Amino acid sequence: LRRKIDKGRDPMLHTLRGVGYVLRPAS
């Protein structure tokens, strides 16, 4: 799912995704 979200989101959010992954690893 992370790969699908990564492609579905914009490049800017790509960095935020990394931060959100650290904040919510369970997500």
N, C-alpha and C. Protein backbone atom coordinates (compact mmCIF):
# COMPACT_ATOMS: atom_id res chain seq x y z
N LEU A 1 0.85 -1.21 0.00
CA LEU A 1 0.00 0.00 0.00
C LEU A 1 0.88 1.25 0.00
N ARG A 2 2.00 1.19 0.69
CA ARG A 2 2.85 2.39 0.74
C ARG A 2 3.29 2.77 -0.68
N ARG A 3 3.57 1.81 -1.50
CA ARG A 3 4.04 2.13 -2.87
C ARG A 3 2.89 2.75 -3.64
N LYS A 4 1.69 2.25 -3.47
CA LYS A 4 0.53 2.81 -4.19
C LYS A 4 0.31 4.25 -3.74
N ILE A 5 0.38 4.49 -2.46
CA ILE A 5 0.17 5.85 -1.94
C ILE A 5 1.29 6.76 -2.45
N ASP A 6 2.50 6.21 -2.48
CA ASP A 6 3.64 7.02 -2.93
C ASP A 6 3.42 7.49 -4.36
N LYS A 7 2.88 6.62 -5.21
CA LYS A 7 2.66 7.02 -6.61
C LYS A 7 1.43 7.91 -6.72
N GLY A 8 0.45 7.70 -5.84
CA GLY A 8 -0.78 8.49 -5.90
C GLY A 8 -0.57 9.90 -5.36
N ARG A 9 0.43 10.08 -4.53
CA ARG A 9 0.64 11.42 -3.93
C ARG A 9 1.65 12.23 -4.76
N ASP A 10 1.68 13.52 -4.50
CA ASP A 10 2.61 14.40 -5.25
C ASP A 10 4.04 14.25 -4.72
N PRO A 11 5.02 14.67 -5.49
CA PRO A 11 6.43 14.57 -5.05
C PRO A 11 6.67 15.33 -3.75
N MET A 12 5.96 16.43 -3.57
CA MET A 12 6.15 17.22 -2.33
C MET A 12 5.68 16.39 -1.13
N LEU A 13 4.53 15.74 -1.29
CA LEU A 13 4.01 14.93 -0.19
C LEU A 13 4.87 13.69 0.01
N HIS A 14 5.69 13.39 -0.97
CA HIS A 14 6.56 12.21 -0.86
C HIS A 14 7.44 12.36 0.39
N THR A 15 7.92 13.58 0.61
CA THR A 15 8.75 13.82 1.80
C THR A 15 7.88 13.75 3.05
N LEU A 16 6.69 14.35 2.97
CA LEU A 16 5.79 14.33 4.12
C LEU A 16 5.41 12.89 4.45
N ARG A 17 5.33 12.06 3.43
CA ARG A 17 4.99 10.65 3.65
C ARG A 17 6.06 10.01 4.53
N GLY A 18 7.32 10.35 4.29
CA GLY A 18 8.39 9.79 5.11
C GLY A 18 8.23 10.23 6.56
N VAL A 19 7.88 11.50 6.75
CA VAL A 19 7.70 12.02 8.11
C VAL A 19 6.48 11.36 8.75
N GLY A 20 5.39 11.26 7.99
CA GLY A 20 4.17 10.64 8.53
C GLY A 20 4.42 9.17 8.84
N TYR A 21 5.29 8.53 8.06
CA TYR A 21 5.59 7.12 8.30
C TYR A 21 6.29 6.96 9.65
N VAL A 22 7.11 7.94 9.98
CA VAL A 22 7.83 7.88 11.26
C VAL A 22 6.87 8.20 12.40
N LEU A 23 5.96 9.16 12.14
CA LEU A 23 5.00 9.54 13.18
C LEU A 23 3.95 8.45 13.36
N ARG A 24 3.55 7.81 12.27
CA ARG A 24 2.52 6.77 12.35
C ARG A 24 3.00 5.51 11.63
N PRO A 25 3.95 4.79 12.20
CA PRO A 25 4.46 3.56 11.58
C PRO A 25 3.37 2.49 11.48
N ALA A 26 2.40 2.55 12.38
CA ALA A 26 1.31 1.57 12.36
C ALA A 26 0.41 1.84 11.16
N SER A 27 0.41 3.08 10.68
CA SER A 27 -0.44 3.42 9.53
C SER A 27 0.24 2.95 8.27
